[in-house]
N, C-alpha and C. Protein backbone atom coordinates (compact mmCIF):
# COMPACT_ATOMS: atom_id res chain seq x y z
N MET A 1 -1.82 -43.40 19.55
CA MET A 1 -0.69 -42.73 18.73
C MET A 1 0.76 -42.34 19.14
N ARG A 2 1.72 -42.54 18.90
CA ARG A 2 3.02 -42.06 19.57
C ARG A 2 3.55 -40.97 18.87
N ILE A 3 3.87 -40.07 19.42
CA ILE A 3 4.80 -38.57 19.13
C ILE A 3 5.70 -38.64 18.95
N PRO A 4 6.61 -38.54 17.85
CA PRO A 4 7.95 -38.72 17.67
C PRO A 4 8.81 -37.96 18.55
N ARG A 5 9.59 -37.92 19.36
CA ARG A 5 10.70 -37.26 20.26
C ARG A 5 11.19 -36.24 19.94
N CYS A 6 11.47 -36.48 18.48
CA CYS A 6 12.15 -34.71 17.70
C CYS A 6 11.12 -34.02 17.86
N LEU A 7 10.04 -34.22 17.50
CA LEU A 7 8.68 -33.36 16.91
C LEU A 7 9.13 -32.36 17.83
N PRO A 8 8.50 -31.79 19.16
CA PRO A 8 8.97 -30.90 19.90
C PRO A 8 10.07 -30.05 19.83
N LEU A 9 11.45 -30.63 19.34
CA LEU A 9 12.20 -29.56 18.86
C LEU A 9 12.36 -29.05 17.56
N ILE A 10 11.27 -30.14 16.83
CA ILE A 10 11.13 -29.93 15.06
C ILE A 10 10.71 -28.26 15.06
N ALA A 11 9.10 -28.25 16.06
CA ALA A 11 8.65 -27.63 16.06
C ALA A 11 9.08 -25.91 16.76
N LEU A 12 10.00 -26.14 17.74
CA LEU A 12 10.41 -25.40 17.98
C LEU A 12 11.91 -24.62 17.84
N CYS A 13 12.26 -25.31 16.74
CA CYS A 13 13.30 -24.95 15.67
C CYS A 13 12.81 -23.74 14.80
N LEU A 14 11.01 -24.50 14.17
CA LEU A 14 10.37 -24.04 13.27
C LEU A 14 10.06 -22.31 13.92
N LEU A 15 9.50 -22.19 15.28
CA LEU A 15 8.78 -21.22 15.64
C LEU A 15 9.18 -19.60 15.14
N PRO A 16 10.42 -19.44 15.24
CA PRO A 16 10.80 -18.21 14.40
C PRO A 16 10.64 -17.48 12.98
N LEU A 17 10.48 -19.12 12.36
CA LEU A 17 9.78 -19.37 10.85
C LEU A 17 8.08 -18.49 11.09
N SER A 18 7.42 -18.93 12.16
CA SER A 18 5.88 -18.52 11.99
C SER A 18 5.66 -16.94 12.34
N ARG A 19 6.73 -16.19 12.67
CA ARG A 19 6.44 -15.16 13.42
C ARG A 19 6.17 -13.81 12.01
N ALA A 20 5.41 -12.87 12.45
CA ALA A 20 5.86 -11.73 11.32
C ALA A 20 6.81 -10.70 12.00
N ASP A 21 7.71 -10.38 11.16
CA ASP A 21 8.61 -9.55 11.35
C ASP A 21 9.34 -9.14 10.33
N VAL A 22 9.24 -7.79 10.13
CA VAL A 22 9.53 -7.29 8.63
C VAL A 22 10.66 -6.36 8.86
N ARG A 23 11.50 -6.28 10.18
CA ARG A 23 12.75 -5.50 10.13
C ARG A 23 13.71 -5.62 9.32
N ALA A 24 13.79 -6.58 8.63
CA ALA A 24 14.75 -7.08 7.92
C ALA A 24 14.37 -6.56 6.28
N CYS A 25 13.44 -6.35 5.83
CA CYS A 25 12.75 -6.29 4.70
C CYS A 25 13.66 -6.09 3.25
N LEU A 26 13.00 -6.06 2.45
CA LEU A 26 14.55 -5.88 1.16
C LEU A 26 13.72 -5.47 0.33
N CYS A 27 12.49 -4.97 0.40
CA CYS A 27 11.60 -4.43 -0.61
C CYS A 27 12.39 -2.90 -0.78
N ASP A 28 12.30 -2.97 -2.79
CA ASP A 28 12.84 -2.13 -3.59
C ASP A 28 11.79 -2.01 -4.61
N VAL A 29 10.46 -0.47 -4.81
CA VAL A 29 10.36 -0.66 -5.86
C VAL A 29 10.96 0.00 -7.26
N ALA A 30 12.33 -0.06 -6.77
CA ALA A 30 13.19 -0.09 -8.32
C ALA A 30 13.90 -0.90 -8.95
N ILE A 31 13.83 -1.97 -7.90
CA ILE A 31 14.31 -3.45 -8.38
C ILE A 31 12.74 -4.89 -8.40
N PRO A 32 12.19 -4.45 -9.00
CA PRO A 32 11.19 -5.02 -8.90
C PRO A 32 11.02 -6.67 -8.28
N GLU A 33 12.20 -7.34 -8.77
CA GLU A 33 12.44 -8.86 -8.06
C GLU A 33 12.03 -8.85 -6.99
N THR A 34 13.03 -7.45 -6.23
CA THR A 34 12.63 -7.48 -4.32
C THR A 34 11.16 -7.64 -4.07
N LEU A 35 9.93 -7.63 -5.33
CA LEU A 35 9.01 -7.47 -4.57
C LEU A 35 8.07 -8.26 -4.91
N ALA A 36 8.63 -9.84 -4.79
CA ALA A 36 7.98 -10.84 -5.12
C ALA A 36 8.06 -11.43 -3.16
N ALA A 37 8.88 -11.36 -2.71
CA ALA A 37 8.87 -11.59 -1.43
C ALA A 37 7.38 -11.55 -0.33
N ARG A 38 7.37 -12.42 0.09
CA ARG A 38 5.40 -11.93 0.54
C ARG A 38 5.07 -10.69 1.69
N GLU A 39 6.67 -10.11 2.34
CA GLU A 39 6.48 -9.35 3.02
C GLU A 39 6.21 -7.90 2.17
N CYS A 40 6.16 -8.10 0.71
CA CYS A 40 6.33 -6.86 -0.03
C CYS A 40 5.12 -6.88 -0.96
N GLY A 41 4.24 -7.68 -0.34
CA GLY A 41 2.96 -7.81 -1.16
C GLY A 41 2.21 -6.33 -1.51
N LEU A 42 1.84 -5.33 0.02
CA LEU A 42 1.49 -4.20 0.12
C LEU A 42 2.56 -3.07 -0.92
N CYS A 43 3.24 -3.35 -1.05
CA CYS A 43 4.18 -2.53 -1.69
C CYS A 43 3.38 -2.66 -3.30
N LYS A 44 3.62 -3.88 -3.67
CA LYS A 44 3.58 -3.75 -5.02
C LYS A 44 2.17 -3.53 -5.69
N GLU A 45 0.74 -3.55 -4.88
CA GLU A 45 -0.11 -3.07 -4.19
C GLU A 45 -0.19 -1.60 -4.19
N ALA A 46 0.63 -1.27 -4.01
CA ALA A 46 0.77 0.49 -3.78
C ALA A 46 1.25 0.99 -5.31
N GLU A 47 2.29 0.59 -5.91
CA GLU A 47 2.61 0.83 -7.38
C GLU A 47 1.84 0.16 -8.07
N LYS A 48 0.24 -0.54 -8.09
CA LYS A 48 -0.74 -0.59 -9.14
C LYS A 48 -1.88 0.56 -9.13
N GLN A 49 -1.75 1.94 -7.76
CA GLN A 49 -2.69 2.70 -7.37
C GLN A 49 -1.93 3.94 -8.60
N PRO A 50 -2.58 4.84 -8.98
CA PRO A 50 -2.40 5.69 -9.34
C PRO A 50 -1.49 6.87 -8.88
N ALA A 51 -0.49 7.37 -9.58
CA ALA A 51 0.57 8.28 -8.25
C ALA A 51 0.15 9.27 -7.97
N ASP A 52 -0.99 9.90 -8.16
CA ASP A 52 -1.07 11.26 -7.68
C ASP A 52 -2.27 11.12 -6.66
N ILE A 53 -2.32 9.93 -5.77
CA ILE A 53 -3.15 9.78 -4.40
C ILE A 53 -2.32 9.42 -4.00
N PRO A 54 -3.08 10.40 -2.63
CA PRO A 54 -1.72 9.67 -1.31
C PRO A 54 -2.53 8.53 -0.89
N PHE A 55 -3.34 8.28 -0.75
CA PHE A 55 -4.06 7.17 0.29
C PHE A 55 -4.89 5.77 -0.32
N PHE A 56 -4.38 4.88 0.06
CA PHE A 56 -5.72 3.94 -0.75
C PHE A 56 -6.48 2.89 -0.14
N PHE A 57 -7.05 2.23 0.19
CA PHE A 57 -7.94 1.31 0.79
C PHE A 57 -8.43 0.19 0.07
N LEU A 58 -7.97 -0.87 1.27
CA LEU A 58 -8.24 -2.52 0.08
C LEU A 58 -8.89 -3.40 1.21
N ARG A 59 -9.47 -4.50 0.70
CA ARG A 59 -9.89 -5.16 1.78
C ARG A 59 -8.97 -6.20 2.08
N ASP A 60 -8.55 -6.68 3.19
CA ASP A 60 -7.97 -7.44 4.21
C ASP A 60 -8.27 -8.50 3.04
N THR A 61 -7.37 -9.03 2.27
CA THR A 61 -7.46 -10.61 1.57
C THR A 61 -7.26 -11.74 2.80
N ASN A 62 -6.80 -11.61 4.38
CA ASN A 62 -6.64 -12.33 4.88
C ASN A 62 -8.11 -13.28 5.05
N PRO A 63 -8.56 -14.56 5.05
CA PRO A 63 -9.97 -15.36 5.06
C PRO A 63 -10.04 -14.94 6.53
N ASN A 64 -9.31 -15.30 7.58
CA ASN A 64 -9.79 -14.77 8.85
C ASN A 64 -9.89 -13.42 8.88
N LYS A 65 -10.05 -12.73 8.15
CA LYS A 65 -10.33 -11.50 8.29
C LYS A 65 -11.24 -10.88 7.44
N PRO A 66 -12.45 -11.10 7.69
CA PRO A 66 -13.13 -10.80 6.16
C PRO A 66 -13.64 -9.24 6.36
N HIS A 67 -14.18 -8.47 7.38
CA HIS A 67 -14.47 -7.73 7.84
C HIS A 67 -13.48 -6.12 7.54
N ARG A 68 -12.40 -6.62 7.43
CA ARG A 68 -11.30 -5.65 8.06
C ARG A 68 -11.08 -4.67 6.50
N TRP A 69 -10.59 -3.40 6.93
CA TRP A 69 -10.24 -3.34 5.52
C TRP A 69 -8.51 -2.76 5.82
N LEU A 70 -7.99 -2.16 5.18
CA LEU A 70 -6.53 -1.69 5.15
C LEU A 70 -6.60 -0.12 4.28
N ALA A 71 -5.64 0.70 5.41
CA ALA A 71 -5.36 2.11 4.89
C ALA A 71 -4.13 1.89 4.32
N LEU A 72 -3.67 2.19 3.20
CA LEU A 72 -2.59 2.05 3.04
C LEU A 72 -2.06 3.79 2.14
N PRO A 73 -0.66 4.56 2.47
CA PRO A 73 -0.72 5.49 1.47
C PRO A 73 0.12 5.08 0.19
N ARG A 74 0.14 5.87 -0.93
CA ARG A 74 0.80 5.96 -1.83
C ARG A 74 1.98 5.14 -2.39
N PHE A 75 2.50 6.55 -0.97
CA PHE A 75 4.10 6.53 -1.17
C PHE A 75 4.84 5.25 -0.48
N HIS A 76 6.31 5.01 -0.82
CA HIS A 76 7.09 4.48 -0.04
C HIS A 76 8.02 4.79 0.62
N GLY A 77 8.73 4.06 1.71
CA GLY A 77 9.19 5.01 3.15
C GLY A 77 10.55 3.49 2.94
N ASN A 78 11.03 3.64 3.65
CA ASN A 78 12.16 2.92 4.17
C ASN A 78 12.20 1.62 4.13
N ARG A 79 12.08 0.93 4.90
CA ARG A 79 12.07 -0.67 4.98
C ARG A 79 12.34 -0.62 6.05
N PRO A 80 11.89 -1.21 6.95
CA PRO A 80 10.13 -1.34 7.02
C PRO A 80 9.56 0.13 6.70
N GLN A 81 8.75 0.58 6.83
CA GLN A 81 7.83 1.97 6.14
C GLN A 81 7.31 2.59 7.95
N GLN A 82 7.78 3.45 7.93
CA GLN A 82 7.56 3.80 9.92
C GLN A 82 6.38 5.66 9.66
N PHE A 83 5.95 5.52 10.50
CA PHE A 83 5.08 6.85 10.63
C PHE A 83 6.28 8.23 10.66
N THR A 84 7.16 7.61 11.61
CA THR A 84 8.07 9.01 11.66
C THR A 84 8.17 9.28 10.18
N GLU A 85 8.48 8.46 8.58
CA GLU A 85 9.28 8.88 8.13
C GLU A 85 7.93 10.19 7.35
N MET A 86 6.87 10.26 8.12
CA MET A 86 5.93 11.11 7.52
C MET A 86 6.18 12.53 8.33
N THR A 87 5.69 13.21 7.35
CA THR A 87 5.46 14.76 7.68
C THR A 87 4.19 14.96 8.94
N PRO A 88 4.50 15.72 9.25
CA PRO A 88 3.27 16.25 10.34
C PRO A 88 1.72 16.20 9.34
N GLN A 89 1.89 16.44 8.23
CA GLN A 89 0.61 16.79 7.09
C GLN A 89 0.53 15.68 6.64
N GLN A 90 1.23 14.61 6.88
CA GLN A 90 1.08 13.41 6.04
C GLN A 90 0.38 12.45 6.89
N ARG A 91 0.64 12.22 8.30
CA ARG A 91 0.41 11.96 9.00
C ARG A 91 -1.26 12.30 10.11
N THR A 92 -1.60 13.10 9.54
CA THR A 92 -2.81 13.98 10.04
C THR A 92 -3.73 13.02 8.52
N ALA A 93 -2.98 13.47 7.35
CA ALA A 93 -3.97 13.16 6.53
C ALA A 93 -4.13 11.62 6.17
N TYR A 94 -3.46 11.22 6.31
CA TYR A 94 -3.27 9.50 6.56
C TYR A 94 -4.46 8.59 7.80
N TRP A 95 -4.35 9.68 9.26
CA TRP A 95 -4.94 9.45 10.36
C TRP A 95 -6.49 9.10 9.38
N SER A 96 -6.87 10.70 9.43
CA SER A 96 -8.15 11.46 8.91
C SER A 96 -9.18 10.33 7.74
N ALA A 97 -8.03 10.18 6.43
CA ALA A 97 -8.45 9.32 5.73
C ALA A 97 -8.82 7.92 6.67
N ALA A 98 -8.14 7.34 6.98
CA ALA A 98 -8.99 6.05 8.02
C ALA A 98 -9.96 6.05 8.90
N ILE A 99 -9.89 7.54 9.89
CA ILE A 99 -10.91 7.58 10.00
C ILE A 99 -12.23 7.86 9.44
N ALA A 100 -11.97 8.32 8.09
CA ALA A 100 -13.36 8.59 7.25
C ALA A 100 -13.89 7.34 7.21
N LYS A 101 -12.84 6.74 6.61
CA LYS A 101 -13.09 5.40 6.09
C LYS A 101 -13.78 4.24 7.13
N ALA A 102 -13.56 4.59 8.63
CA ALA A 102 -13.98 3.46 9.51
C ALA A 102 -15.42 4.08 10.00
N ARG A 103 -15.68 5.35 9.71
CA ARG A 103 -16.36 5.92 9.57
C ARG A 103 -18.03 5.29 9.07
N GLU A 104 -17.27 5.53 7.65
CA GLU A 104 -18.10 5.25 6.57
C GLU A 104 -18.57 3.38 6.56
N ALA A 105 -17.85 3.19 6.77
CA ALA A 105 -17.97 0.98 7.07
C ALA A 105 -18.70 0.98 8.16
N TRP A 106 -18.48 1.28 9.49
CA TRP A 106 -19.14 1.60 10.59
C TRP A 106 -19.75 2.46 11.53
N PRO A 107 -21.18 3.46 10.28
CA PRO A 107 -21.42 4.34 10.94
C PRO A 107 -22.48 4.08 12.51
N LEU A 108 -22.55 3.13 12.42
CA LEU A 108 -23.67 2.75 13.91
C LEU A 108 -22.70 1.91 14.67
N ASP A 109 -21.72 1.91 14.64
CA ASP A 109 -21.08 0.50 15.29
C ASP A 109 -19.89 0.99 16.10
N PRO A 110 -19.19 0.82 17.21
CA PRO A 110 -17.69 1.45 17.35
C PRO A 110 -17.26 0.19 16.63
N TRP A 111 -15.82 0.81 15.77
CA TRP A 111 -15.12 1.46 15.19
C TRP A 111 -13.46 1.08 16.34
N GLY A 112 -12.17 0.92 15.19
CA GLY A 112 -11.20 0.95 15.67
C GLY A 112 -10.13 1.14 14.63
N ILE A 113 -9.05 1.46 14.56
CA ILE A 113 -7.77 2.02 13.97
C ILE A 113 -6.49 0.94 14.36
N ALA A 114 -5.86 0.37 14.04
CA ALA A 114 -4.86 -0.39 14.87
C ALA A 114 -3.67 -0.25 13.53
N LEU A 115 -2.14 0.35 14.15
CA LEU A 115 -0.95 -0.01 13.34
C LEU A 115 -0.08 -1.32 13.84
N ASN A 116 -0.27 -2.59 13.34
CA ASN A 116 1.01 -3.23 14.28
C ASN A 116 2.38 -2.97 14.55
N SER A 117 3.13 -3.37 15.45
CA SER A 117 4.80 -3.08 15.76
C SER A 117 5.01 -3.62 14.81
N THR A 118 6.41 -3.32 14.59
CA THR A 118 7.36 -4.07 13.51
C THR A 118 7.47 -5.55 13.59
N GLU A 119 8.03 -4.98 14.48
CA GLU A 119 7.81 -7.08 14.65
C GLU A 119 6.75 -7.74 14.76
N ARG A 120 5.64 -7.49 14.79
CA ARG A 120 4.52 -8.01 14.54
C ARG A 120 3.46 -7.72 12.64
N ARG A 121 4.35 -6.96 12.74
CA ARG A 121 3.75 -6.87 11.30
C ARG A 121 4.32 -7.82 9.99
N SER A 122 3.39 -8.24 9.11
CA SER A 122 3.74 -9.16 8.34
C SER A 122 3.77 -8.74 7.00
N GLN A 123 3.91 -7.42 6.61
CA GLN A 123 3.99 -6.69 5.77
C GLN A 123 5.12 -5.37 5.56
N CYS A 124 6.02 -4.75 4.41
CA CYS A 124 6.69 -3.87 5.19
C CYS A 124 6.53 -2.56 4.99
N HIS A 125 4.85 -2.59 3.76
CA HIS A 125 4.73 -1.00 3.27
C HIS A 125 3.51 -0.57 5.13
N ILE A 126 4.07 0.11 5.64
CA ILE A 126 2.99 0.49 6.51
C ILE A 126 1.16 0.51 5.84
N HIS A 127 0.67 -0.18 6.91
CA HIS A 127 -0.90 -0.03 6.87
C HIS A 127 -1.57 -0.01 7.77
N LEU A 128 -2.43 0.53 7.91
CA LEU A 128 -3.50 0.48 8.94
C LEU A 128 -4.60 -0.63 9.04
N HIS A 129 -5.08 -1.32 10.14
CA HIS A 129 -6.14 -1.93 9.84
C HIS A 129 -7.43 -1.05 10.56
N ILE A 130 -8.44 -1.57 9.51
CA ILE A 130 -9.63 -0.84 10.00
C ILE A 130 -10.91 -2.03 10.19
N GLY A 131 -11.47 -1.68 11.19
CA GLY A 131 -12.43 -2.84 11.52
C GLY A 131 -13.40 -2.55 12.63
N LYS A 132 -14.23 -2.91 12.78
CA LYS A 132 -15.18 -2.85 14.02
C LYS A 132 -14.84 -3.28 15.59
N LEU A 133 -14.47 -2.90 16.36
CA LEU A 133 -14.06 -2.51 17.69
C LEU A 133 -14.79 -4.05 18.25
N LEU A 134 -14.25 -4.94 18.90
CA LEU A 134 -14.25 -5.76 19.72
C LEU A 134 -15.56 -5.50 21.34
N PRO A 135 -16.69 -5.76 21.38
CA PRO A 135 -17.27 -6.18 22.56
C PRO A 135 -16.18 -5.85 23.33
N ASN A 136 -16.70 -4.70 24.64
CA ASN A 136 -16.07 -5.20 25.70
C ASN A 136 -14.37 -4.88 25.97
N VAL A 137 -13.60 -4.88 24.92
CA VAL A 137 -12.53 -4.16 24.89
C VAL A 137 -11.85 -2.95 26.07
N VAL A 138 -11.05 -3.82 27.28
CA VAL A 138 -10.66 -3.04 28.27
C VAL A 138 -9.41 -2.61 28.10
N ASP A 139 -8.83 -1.35 28.04
CA ASP A 139 -7.55 -1.13 27.87
C ASP A 139 -7.26 0.16 28.98
N ALA A 140 -7.11 0.11 29.92
CA ALA A 140 -6.59 1.43 30.64
C ALA A 140 -5.74 2.43 30.22
N ASN A 141 -4.85 2.03 29.42
CA ASN A 141 -4.15 2.65 28.89
C ASN A 141 -4.01 3.68 28.07
N PHE A 142 -4.22 4.87 28.01
CA PHE A 142 -4.64 5.93 26.99
C PHE A 142 -4.57 7.29 27.07
N LEU A 143 -4.37 7.61 25.56
CA LEU A 143 -4.51 9.25 25.88
C LEU A 143 -5.63 9.41 25.18
N VAL A 144 -6.04 10.52 25.75
CA VAL A 144 -7.26 11.56 24.99
C VAL A 144 -6.98 12.39 24.01
N VAL A 145 -7.47 12.34 22.83
CA VAL A 145 -7.14 13.36 21.61
C VAL A 145 -8.36 13.94 21.15
N ASP A 146 -8.02 14.87 20.58
CA ASP A 146 -9.55 15.89 20.02
C ASP A 146 -9.88 15.00 18.39
N LYS A 147 -8.54 15.55 17.79
CA LYS A 147 -8.79 15.26 16.56
C LYS A 147 -7.30 14.14 16.25
N PRO A 148 -7.29 13.58 14.59
CA PRO A 148 -6.32 12.72 14.13
C PRO A 148 -5.32 13.78 14.30
N GLY A 149 -4.91 14.91 14.30
CA GLY A 149 -3.35 15.70 14.18
C GLY A 149 -3.38 15.51 15.46
N ASP A 150 -3.64 15.04 16.65
CA ASP A 150 -2.97 15.01 17.67
C ASP A 150 -2.71 13.82 18.45
N ILE A 151 -2.98 13.02 17.46
CA ILE A 151 -2.05 11.89 17.75
C ILE A 151 -1.19 11.61 17.98
N PRO A 152 -0.75 10.87 18.44
CA PRO A 152 0.80 11.26 18.77
C PRO A 152 1.69 9.97 17.91
N VAL A 153 2.68 10.57 17.44
CA VAL A 153 4.00 9.56 16.50
C VAL A 153 4.72 8.64 17.45
N PRO A 154 3.68 7.20 17.07
CA PRO A 154 4.23 6.09 17.41
C PRO A 154 6.11 5.69 17.50
N ARG A 155 6.87 5.35 18.68
CA ARG A 155 8.02 5.38 18.49
C ARG A 155 8.36 4.35 17.13
N ASP A 156 9.34 4.73 16.50
CA ASP A 156 10.10 3.62 15.36
C ASP A 156 9.48 2.06 16.17
N GLY A 157 8.48 1.38 15.24
CA GLY A 157 8.55 0.28 15.81
C GLY A 157 7.69 -0.26 16.14
N ASP A 158 6.82 1.33 17.00
CA ASP A 158 5.86 0.49 18.23
C ASP A 158 4.68 0.80 17.26
N GLY A 159 3.65 -0.19 17.79
CA GLY A 159 2.18 -0.06 17.80
C GLY A 159 1.34 0.48 18.22
N VAL A 160 0.32 0.70 17.65
CA VAL A 160 -0.84 1.91 18.08
C VAL A 160 -2.06 1.37 17.66
N TRP A 161 -3.32 1.83 18.88
CA TRP A 161 -4.56 1.75 18.14
C TRP A 161 -4.96 2.71 18.83
N ILE A 162 -6.45 2.80 18.19
CA ILE A 162 -7.42 4.30 18.10
C ILE A 162 -8.78 4.00 18.30
N HIS A 163 -9.33 4.52 18.56
CA HIS A 163 -10.71 4.54 18.98
C HIS A 163 -11.66 5.55 19.43
N PRO A 164 -12.83 5.57 18.44
CA PRO A 164 -13.97 6.87 19.14
C PRO A 164 -14.32 6.59 20.86
N VAL A 165 -14.68 7.79 21.30
CA VAL A 165 -15.32 7.98 23.00
C VAL A 165 -16.01 9.01 23.01
N GLY A 166 -17.11 9.06 22.90
CA GLY A 166 -17.40 10.45 23.54
C GLY A 166 -17.10 11.64 22.42
N GLY A 167 -17.09 11.46 21.48
CA GLY A 167 -16.60 12.55 20.02
C GLY A 167 -14.78 12.84 20.32
N ARG A 168 -14.41 12.18 20.80
CA ARG A 168 -12.87 12.36 21.04
C ARG A 168 -12.28 11.24 20.72
N LEU A 169 -11.02 10.55 20.81
CA LEU A 169 -10.05 9.38 20.11
C LEU A 169 -9.59 9.30 21.41
N HIS A 170 -9.53 7.87 22.03
CA HIS A 170 -8.59 7.25 22.91
C HIS A 170 -7.68 6.84 21.97
N VAL A 171 -6.49 7.06 22.24
CA VAL A 171 -5.03 6.43 21.39
C VAL A 171 -4.06 5.50 22.40
N HIS A 172 -3.96 4.49 22.05
CA HIS A 172 -3.58 3.13 23.22
C HIS A 172 -2.04 3.01 22.06
N ALA A 173 -1.06 3.24 23.17
CA ALA A 173 0.15 3.06 22.31
C ALA A 173 1.17 2.15 22.83
N ASP A 174 1.69 1.83 22.08
CA ASP A 174 3.25 0.75 22.83
C ASP A 174 2.30 -0.52 23.17
N VAL A 175 1.25 -0.96 21.98
CA VAL A 175 0.62 -2.02 21.80
C VAL A 175 1.17 -2.94 20.57
N PRO A 176 2.20 -3.96 20.46
CA PRO A 176 2.72 -4.57 19.49
C PRO A 176 1.38 -5.17 18.61
N SER A 177 0.36 -5.60 18.61
CA SER A 177 -0.62 -6.11 18.11
C SER A 177 -2.34 -5.75 18.07
N GLY A 178 -1.92 -4.28 17.93
CA GLY A 178 -3.72 -3.29 18.12
C GLY A 178 -4.44 -4.45 17.53
N GLU A 179 -4.78 -4.78 16.30
CA GLU A 179 -5.49 -5.27 15.55
C GLU A 179 -5.93 -6.43 16.41
N LEU A 180 -5.39 -6.87 17.17
CA LEU A 180 -6.37 -7.76 18.08
C LEU A 180 -7.78 -7.44 18.88
N ASN A 181 -7.93 -6.37 18.59
CA ASN A 181 -8.24 -5.59 19.36
C ASN A 181 -10.02 -5.55 18.15
N LEU A 182 -9.65 -5.77 17.34
CA LEU A 182 -10.76 -5.75 15.91
C LEU A 182 -10.80 -6.96 15.53
N GLU A 183 -12.89 -6.59 15.00
CA GLU A 183 -13.22 -7.70 14.76
C GLU A 183 -12.29 -8.24 13.48
N ARG A 184 -12.51 -9.86 13.25
CA ARG A 184 -12.09 -10.49 12.66
C ARG A 184 -13.08 -10.50 10.81
C-alpha cells in the first residue's frame, strides 16, 4: 500500500488541533451560547449544581479513564480558571475535599491528585483529577507538606500533582500533565 506524499504534511498541519489548550477559552456563563464549546463542558456541569455548594465531584466521562473522579469548584473564575484566583481558604477547602474523596475511593491503595497545566487542560473550568497512583512512579522533584493548606499555589498555568507518603503529602510542581501518574 502506498502512502500519499501529502499525508505527513496534512498530519503535521492538524497536530495543533489535537492538543488540549484552553488559554483562549471564551466561556461565559452569562452568555449560554458560549458554553456550547467542548472546552466549556465542565462550566455547564458546574451550572447544574446547587448554588450553595462550594465543590462537587463527577466521574470522568472519558471512556479511557473509567476509575477517575474529578473535583470541581461550583464557582467560576476567569477563562481559564486558575488556582491563583481562589482565596487561601478556598484553595485549602478544595484540596481538602479532593483528598477526602481520594481517601474514600481508595482507602487501602495509594492515590494521587493532579491539576494539568493550562496548556494541557481540555476544559477551562479548573478541575482536579483524582485517581489511584500508578505503581512505581518515581519523581525526585517534590516538596513535602503536612496538610492541604501547606500546598503551594501553582504559578498561573502550571500543573501540579500530589500524593500521600507516610502521613504527609508530596507535592510535585511544574508538571504539565500530572494526571499521567494516575491509573486510567
